[in-house]
Protein backbone atom coordinates (compact mmCIF):
# COMPACT_ATOMS: atom_id res chain seq x y z
CA MET A 1 0.05 0.07 -0.01
CA LYS A 2 2.81 2.48 0.68
CA ARG A 3 4.35 1.75 -2.62
CA ILE A 4 0.97 2.74 -4.37
CA ASN A 5 0.65 5.93 -2.18
CA LYS A 6 4.32 6.96 -3.14
CA THR A 7 3.62 6.25 -6.82
CA LEU A 8 0.44 8.29 -6.69
CA ALA A 9 2.37 11.18 -5.01
CA LEU A 10 5.02 11.11 -7.57
CA ILE A 11 2.46 11.18 -10.41
CA ALA A 12 0.73 14.19 -8.78
CA LEU A 13 3.91 16.10 -8.38
CA ALA A 14 5.05 15.44 -11.98
CA SER A 15 1.58 16.57 -13.42
CA SER A 16 1.46 19.66 -11.15
CA SER A 17 5.05 20.58 -12.24
CA ALA A 18 4.02 20.16 -15.72
CA ALA A 19 0.95 22.39 -15.54
CA PHE A 20 3.09 25.23 -14.33
CA ALA A 21 5.94 24.77 -16.92
CA ALA A 22 5.18 27.30 -19.74
CA THR A 23 7.01 25.81 -22.73
CA ASP A 24 4.69 26.21 -25.46
CA PHE A 25 4.47 29.28 -27.78
CA ASP A 26 0.64 29.75 -27.24
CA THR A 27 0.91 29.59 -23.38
CA LEU A 28 3.63 32.18 -23.25
CA ASP A 29 2.03 34.47 -25.62
CA VAL A 30 -0.47 35.62 -23.06
CA ASP A 31 -1.82 38.60 -24.94
CA GLY A 32 -2.17 36.70 -28.18
CA SER A 33 -0.13 39.15 -30.22
CA GLY A 34 1.64 36.46 -32.05
CA ALA A 35 4.94 37.23 -30.32
CA ILE A 36 6.51 36.63 -26.97
CA SER A 37 7.73 39.70 -25.29
CA GLN A 38 10.44 39.73 -22.69
CA ALA A 39 7.72 40.19 -19.90
CA GLU A 40 5.87 37.17 -21.13
CA ALA A 41 9.18 35.16 -21.44
CA SER A 42 10.10 36.18 -17.90
CA VAL A 43 8.01 33.15 -16.49
CA ASP A 44 10.53 30.70 -18.06
CA ALA A 45 14.12 31.18 -16.62
CA LYS A 46 15.61 29.02 -19.40
CA LEU A 47 13.96 31.05 -22.11
CA MET A 48 14.98 34.39 -20.53
CA SER A 49 18.57 33.16 -20.53
CA MET A 50 18.42 32.51 -24.29
CA PHE A 51 16.13 35.52 -25.14
CA SER A 52 18.75 37.88 -26.72
CA GLU A 53 20.26 34.97 -28.71
CA LEU A 54 16.96 33.87 -29.97
CA ASP A 55 15.59 37.41 -30.85
CA ILE A 56 17.57 37.37 -34.21
CA ASP A 57 15.87 40.66 -35.46
CA GLN A 58 16.53 42.31 -32.04
CA ASN A 59 12.94 43.80 -31.81
CA GLY A 60 12.50 42.69 -28.25
CA GLU A 61 10.03 39.98 -29.06
CA LEU A 62 10.22 36.33 -30.18
CA SER A 63 8.25 35.32 -33.19
CA LYS A 64 7.03 31.70 -33.53
CA GLU A 65 9.95 31.06 -35.91
CA GLU A 66 12.46 32.50 -33.40
CA PHE A 67 10.88 30.70 -30.57
CA SER A 68 11.01 27.31 -32.49
CA LYS A 69 14.83 27.50 -32.52
CA ALA A 70 14.81 27.32 -28.57
């Protein structure tokens, strides 16, 4: 019984972590503008660390094409 409870706890933890991970373009594009601003990207530390590198045209936003290179 303890093993089942541990397994269920791990599944719940994994699914709740996944729910908070914003890794998909449409999820990050909160305002629906078709681009991810730095403010929108700030919820994802990994994306923020790569933002300048990914923002090829240096307009301060990531297009879907730029984001796909992440």
